[in-house]
Amino acid sequence: MTKLAVVGATGLVGTKMLETLNRKNIPFDELVLFSSARSAGKEVEFQGKTYTVQELTDARASEHFDYVLMSAGGVQANTLPHSLKKVVQSL
């Protein structure tokens, strides 16, 4: 089961990443969309499903994802690598 996360999903680059995933028909079983607190709660239509965008927190960033596509700016760009470092070190 492939779990995929898109960080910065509501921004210009994140939107393009979703378009590319759709166009290339890249397979996955679970998709989680993350954004800043300001965009959290927005709904995004993707491949016939509605996804609710979630705020990226340290707790969520330390969950297991098989692949993470990142386009995070500002505070997220500074905090996410710290969270991922903790996950990588625990492997």
N, C-alpha and C. Protein backbone atom coordinates (compact mmCIF):
# COMPACT_ATOMS: atom_id res chain seq x y z
N MET A 1 0.85 -1.18 0.00
CA MET A 1 0.00 0.00 0.00
C MET A 1 0.89 1.24 0.00
N THR A 2 0.80 2.06 -1.02
CA THR A 2 1.63 3.24 -1.16
C THR A 2 0.92 4.47 -0.61
N LYS A 3 1.58 5.11 0.35
CA LYS A 3 1.03 6.32 0.98
C LYS A 3 1.84 7.52 0.50
N LEU A 4 1.16 8.47 -0.11
CA LEU A 4 1.79 9.63 -0.73
C LEU A 4 1.32 10.90 -0.06
N ALA A 5 2.25 11.81 0.23
CA ALA A 5 1.90 13.12 0.79
C ALA A 5 2.37 14.21 -0.17
N VAL A 6 1.56 15.25 -0.29
CA VAL A 6 1.95 16.43 -1.05
C VAL A 6 1.93 17.60 -0.08
N VAL A 7 3.09 18.18 0.15
CA VAL A 7 3.24 19.31 1.08
C VAL A 7 3.24 20.59 0.26
N GLY A 8 2.36 21.51 0.63
CA GLY A 8 2.21 22.74 -0.14
C GLY A 8 1.20 22.54 -1.26
N ALA A 9 0.24 21.66 -1.04
CA ALA A 9 -0.70 21.23 -2.08
C ALA A 9 -1.56 22.34 -2.65
N THR A 10 -1.79 23.41 -1.91
CA THR A 10 -2.68 24.46 -2.39
C THR A 10 -1.94 25.58 -3.13
N GLY A 11 -0.63 25.55 -3.12
CA GLY A 11 0.15 26.57 -3.81
C GLY A 11 0.29 26.27 -5.30
N LEU A 12 0.92 27.18 -6.01
CA LEU A 12 1.09 27.03 -7.45
C LEU A 12 1.87 25.76 -7.80
N VAL A 13 3.00 25.53 -7.14
CA VAL A 13 3.82 24.36 -7.43
C VAL A 13 3.11 23.08 -6.98
N GLY A 14 2.47 23.11 -5.82
CA GLY A 14 1.73 21.95 -5.35
C GLY A 14 0.61 21.55 -6.29
N THR A 15 -0.08 22.55 -6.83
CA THR A 15 -1.14 22.29 -7.80
C THR A 15 -0.57 21.64 -9.05
N LYS A 16 0.58 22.11 -9.50
CA LYS A 16 1.24 21.52 -10.68
C LYS A 16 1.68 20.08 -10.39
N MET A 17 2.13 19.81 -9.16
CA MET A 17 2.52 18.44 -8.80
C MET A 17 1.31 17.51 -8.91
N LEU A 18 0.16 17.97 -8.41
CA LEU A 18 -1.05 17.15 -8.50
C LEU A 18 -1.46 16.94 -9.96
N GLU A 19 -1.34 17.98 -10.77
CA GLU A 19 -1.64 17.83 -12.20
C GLU A 19 -0.73 16.79 -12.85
N THR A 20 0.54 16.80 -12.48
CA THR A 20 1.50 15.84 -13.04
C THR A 20 1.19 14.43 -12.57
N LEU A 21 0.86 14.26 -11.29
CA LEU A 21 0.47 12.94 -10.79
C LEU A 21 -0.71 12.40 -11.58
N ASN A 22 -1.66 13.26 -11.85
CA ASN A 22 -2.85 12.86 -12.59
C ASN A 22 -2.51 12.53 -14.04
N ARG A 23 -1.75 13.40 -14.69
CA ARG A 23 -1.41 13.23 -16.10
C ARG A 23 -0.57 11.96 -16.33
N LYS A 24 0.36 11.70 -15.42
CA LYS A 24 1.24 10.53 -15.55
C LYS A 24 0.61 9.26 -15.00
N ASN A 25 -0.58 9.42 -14.38
CA ASN A 25 -1.30 8.29 -13.80
C ASN A 25 -0.42 7.49 -12.84
N ILE A 26 0.26 8.19 -11.96
CA ILE A 26 1.15 7.57 -10.98
C ILE A 26 0.30 6.88 -9.91
N PRO A 27 0.52 5.60 -9.67
CA PRO A 27 -0.33 4.85 -8.74
C PRO A 27 0.01 5.13 -7.26
N PHE A 28 -1.02 5.16 -6.44
CA PHE A 28 -0.88 5.27 -4.99
C PHE A 28 -2.17 4.75 -4.38
N ASP A 29 -2.09 4.37 -3.11
CA ASP A 29 -3.28 3.88 -2.42
C ASP A 29 -3.90 4.94 -1.52
N GLU A 30 -3.05 5.80 -0.96
CA GLU A 30 -3.55 6.83 -0.05
C GLU A 30 -2.83 8.13 -0.35
N LEU A 31 -3.59 9.21 -0.40
CA LEU A 31 -3.04 10.54 -0.67
C LEU A 31 -3.42 11.47 0.47
N VAL A 32 -2.42 12.17 1.00
CA VAL A 32 -2.65 13.16 2.06
C VAL A 32 -2.11 14.49 1.57
N LEU A 33 -2.93 15.52 1.62
CA LEU A 33 -2.54 16.85 1.17
C LEU A 33 -2.31 17.74 2.38
N PHE A 34 -1.15 18.41 2.40
CA PHE A 34 -0.79 19.29 3.50
C PHE A 34 -0.61 20.72 3.00
N SER A 35 -0.80 21.65 3.94
CA SER A 35 -0.58 23.06 3.65
C SER A 35 -0.29 23.78 4.96
N SER A 36 -0.21 25.08 4.86
CA SER A 36 -0.09 25.90 6.06
C SER A 36 -1.44 25.95 6.78
N ALA A 37 -1.44 26.47 7.99
CA ALA A 37 -2.68 26.61 8.76
C ALA A 37 -3.69 27.46 8.00
N ARG A 38 -3.20 28.44 7.26
CA ARG A 38 -4.08 29.36 6.53
C ARG A 38 -4.91 28.63 5.47
N SER A 39 -4.35 27.62 4.85
CA SER A 39 -5.05 26.90 3.78
C SER A 39 -5.68 25.59 4.25
N ALA A 40 -5.39 25.19 5.47
CA ALA A 40 -5.96 23.94 6.00
C ALA A 40 -7.48 24.02 5.98
N GLY A 41 -8.10 22.91 5.66
CA GLY A 41 -9.55 22.85 5.60
C GLY A 41 -10.11 23.04 4.20
N LYS A 42 -9.31 23.56 3.29
CA LYS A 42 -9.76 23.69 1.90
C LYS A 42 -9.97 22.30 1.32
N GLU A 43 -10.88 22.23 0.37
CA GLU A 43 -11.13 20.96 -0.30
C GLU A 43 -10.54 21.00 -1.71
N VAL A 44 -9.90 19.89 -2.09
CA VAL A 44 -9.27 19.78 -3.40
C VAL A 44 -9.84 18.54 -4.09
N GLU A 45 -10.30 18.72 -5.32
CA GLU A 45 -10.78 17.60 -6.13
C GLU A 45 -9.59 16.99 -6.86
N PHE A 46 -9.46 15.68 -6.76
CA PHE A 46 -8.36 15.00 -7.44
C PHE A 46 -8.80 13.59 -7.81
N GLN A 47 -8.74 13.28 -9.06
CA GLN A 47 -9.10 11.97 -9.59
C GLN A 47 -10.47 11.50 -9.09
N GLY A 48 -11.43 12.40 -9.13
CA GLY A 48 -12.80 12.06 -8.78
C GLY A 48 -13.09 11.99 -7.29
N LYS A 49 -12.13 12.33 -6.46
CA LYS A 49 -12.33 12.32 -5.01
C LYS A 49 -12.10 13.72 -4.45
N THR A 50 -12.72 13.98 -3.31
CA THR A 50 -12.52 15.25 -2.62
C THR A 50 -11.62 15.02 -1.42
N TYR A 51 -10.52 15.77 -1.37
CA TYR A 51 -9.57 15.67 -0.27
C TYR A 51 -9.61 16.96 0.54
N THR A 52 -9.61 16.82 1.85
CA THR A 52 -9.53 17.99 2.72
C THR A 52 -8.07 18.22 3.06
N VAL A 53 -7.60 19.42 2.76
CA VAL A 53 -6.20 19.77 3.00
C VAL A 53 -5.98 19.91 4.50
N GLN A 54 -4.89 19.35 4.98
CA GLN A 54 -4.60 19.34 6.41
C GLN A 54 -3.40 20.22 6.73
N GLU A 55 -3.40 20.77 7.92
CA GLU A 55 -2.25 21.55 8.36
C GLU A 55 -1.08 20.61 8.62
N LEU A 56 0.08 21.02 8.18
CA LEU A 56 1.27 20.22 8.42
C LEU A 56 1.81 20.54 9.81
N THR A 57 1.81 19.55 10.67
CA THR A 57 2.33 19.69 12.03
C THR A 57 3.46 18.69 12.22
N ASP A 58 4.24 18.86 13.28
CA ASP A 58 5.31 17.90 13.56
C ASP A 58 4.75 16.49 13.72
N ALA A 59 3.60 16.38 14.38
CA ALA A 59 3.00 15.06 14.59
C ALA A 59 2.65 14.41 13.26
N ARG A 60 2.06 15.17 12.35
CA ARG A 60 1.68 14.62 11.05
C ARG A 60 2.92 14.34 10.20
N ALA A 61 3.94 15.20 10.31
CA ALA A 61 5.16 15.02 9.51
C ALA A 61 5.92 13.77 9.93
N SER A 62 5.72 13.30 11.15
CA SER A 62 6.46 12.12 11.60
C SER A 62 5.70 10.82 11.31
N GLU A 63 4.56 10.91 10.64
CA GLU A 63 3.87 9.70 10.19
C GLU A 63 4.65 9.06 9.05
N HIS A 64 4.38 7.80 8.79
CA HIS A 64 5.05 7.11 7.69
C HIS A 64 4.37 7.46 6.36
N PHE A 65 5.17 7.93 5.42
CA PHE A 65 4.74 8.13 4.03
C PHE A 65 5.79 7.45 3.16
N ASP A 66 5.34 6.78 2.13
CA ASP A 66 6.28 6.16 1.20
C ASP A 66 6.97 7.21 0.35
N TYR A 67 6.21 8.23 -0.04
CA TYR A 67 6.75 9.33 -0.85
C TYR A 67 6.18 10.64 -0.36
N VAL A 68 7.02 11.66 -0.33
CA VAL A 68 6.59 13.01 0.05
C VAL A 68 7.06 13.97 -1.04
N LEU A 69 6.12 14.64 -1.66
CA LEU A 69 6.43 15.68 -2.64
C LEU A 69 6.29 17.01 -1.92
N MET A 70 7.35 17.81 -1.95
CA MET A 70 7.37 19.04 -1.15
C MET A 70 7.50 20.29 -1.99
N SER A 71 6.65 21.23 -1.67
CA SER A 71 6.77 22.59 -2.18
C SER A 71 6.29 23.49 -1.06
N ALA A 72 7.08 23.56 -0.02
CA ALA A 72 6.69 24.31 1.18
C ALA A 72 7.51 25.57 1.28
N GLY A 73 6.86 26.66 1.59
CA GLY A 73 7.56 27.93 1.75
C GLY A 73 7.55 28.39 3.19
N GLY A 74 8.31 29.42 3.46
CA GLY A 74 8.29 30.07 4.77
C GLY A 74 8.57 29.15 5.93
N VAL A 75 7.70 29.21 6.92
CA VAL A 75 7.89 28.46 8.16
C VAL A 75 7.92 26.96 7.90
N GLN A 76 7.07 26.46 7.02
CA GLN A 76 7.05 25.03 6.74
C GLN A 76 8.40 24.56 6.23
N ALA A 77 9.00 25.30 5.36
CA ALA A 77 10.29 24.90 4.81
C ALA A 77 11.35 24.80 5.90
N ASN A 78 11.22 25.60 6.94
CA ASN A 78 12.18 25.56 8.04
C ASN A 78 11.89 24.45 9.03
N THR A 79 10.62 24.12 9.26
CA THR A 79 10.27 23.14 10.29
C THR A 79 10.18 21.72 9.76
N LEU A 80 9.79 21.52 8.54
CA LEU A 80 9.61 20.17 8.03
C LEU A 80 10.90 19.38 7.99
N PRO A 81 12.00 19.92 7.48
CA PRO A 81 13.23 19.12 7.49
C PRO A 81 13.61 18.64 8.89
N HIS A 82 13.38 19.46 9.93
CA HIS A 82 13.66 19.04 11.30
C HIS A 82 12.81 17.82 11.65
N SER A 83 11.54 17.86 11.30
CA SER A 83 10.66 16.73 11.58
C SER A 83 11.09 15.49 10.82
N LEU A 84 11.43 15.66 9.55
CA LEU A 84 11.86 14.51 8.76
C LEU A 84 13.17 13.94 9.27
N LYS A 85 14.06 14.80 9.75
CA LYS A 85 15.33 14.33 10.29
C LYS A 85 15.08 13.37 11.45
N LYS A 86 14.10 13.68 12.30
CA LYS A 86 13.78 12.79 13.42
C LYS A 86 13.30 11.44 12.90
N VAL A 87 12.50 11.44 11.85
CA VAL A 87 11.98 10.19 11.30
C VAL A 87 13.11 9.36 10.69
N VAL A 88 13.97 9.99 9.91
CA VAL A 88 15.08 9.28 9.26
C VAL A 88 16.01 8.69 10.30
N GLN A 89 16.29 9.43 11.37
CA GLN A 89 17.18 8.92 12.40
C GLN A 89 16.58 7.73 13.14
N SER A 90 15.26 7.63 13.18
CA SER A 90 14.64 6.52 13.90
C SER A 90 14.61 5.24 13.07
N LEU A 91 14.94 5.31 11.79
CA LEU A 91 14.90 4.11 10.94
C LEU A 91 16.03 3.20 11.22
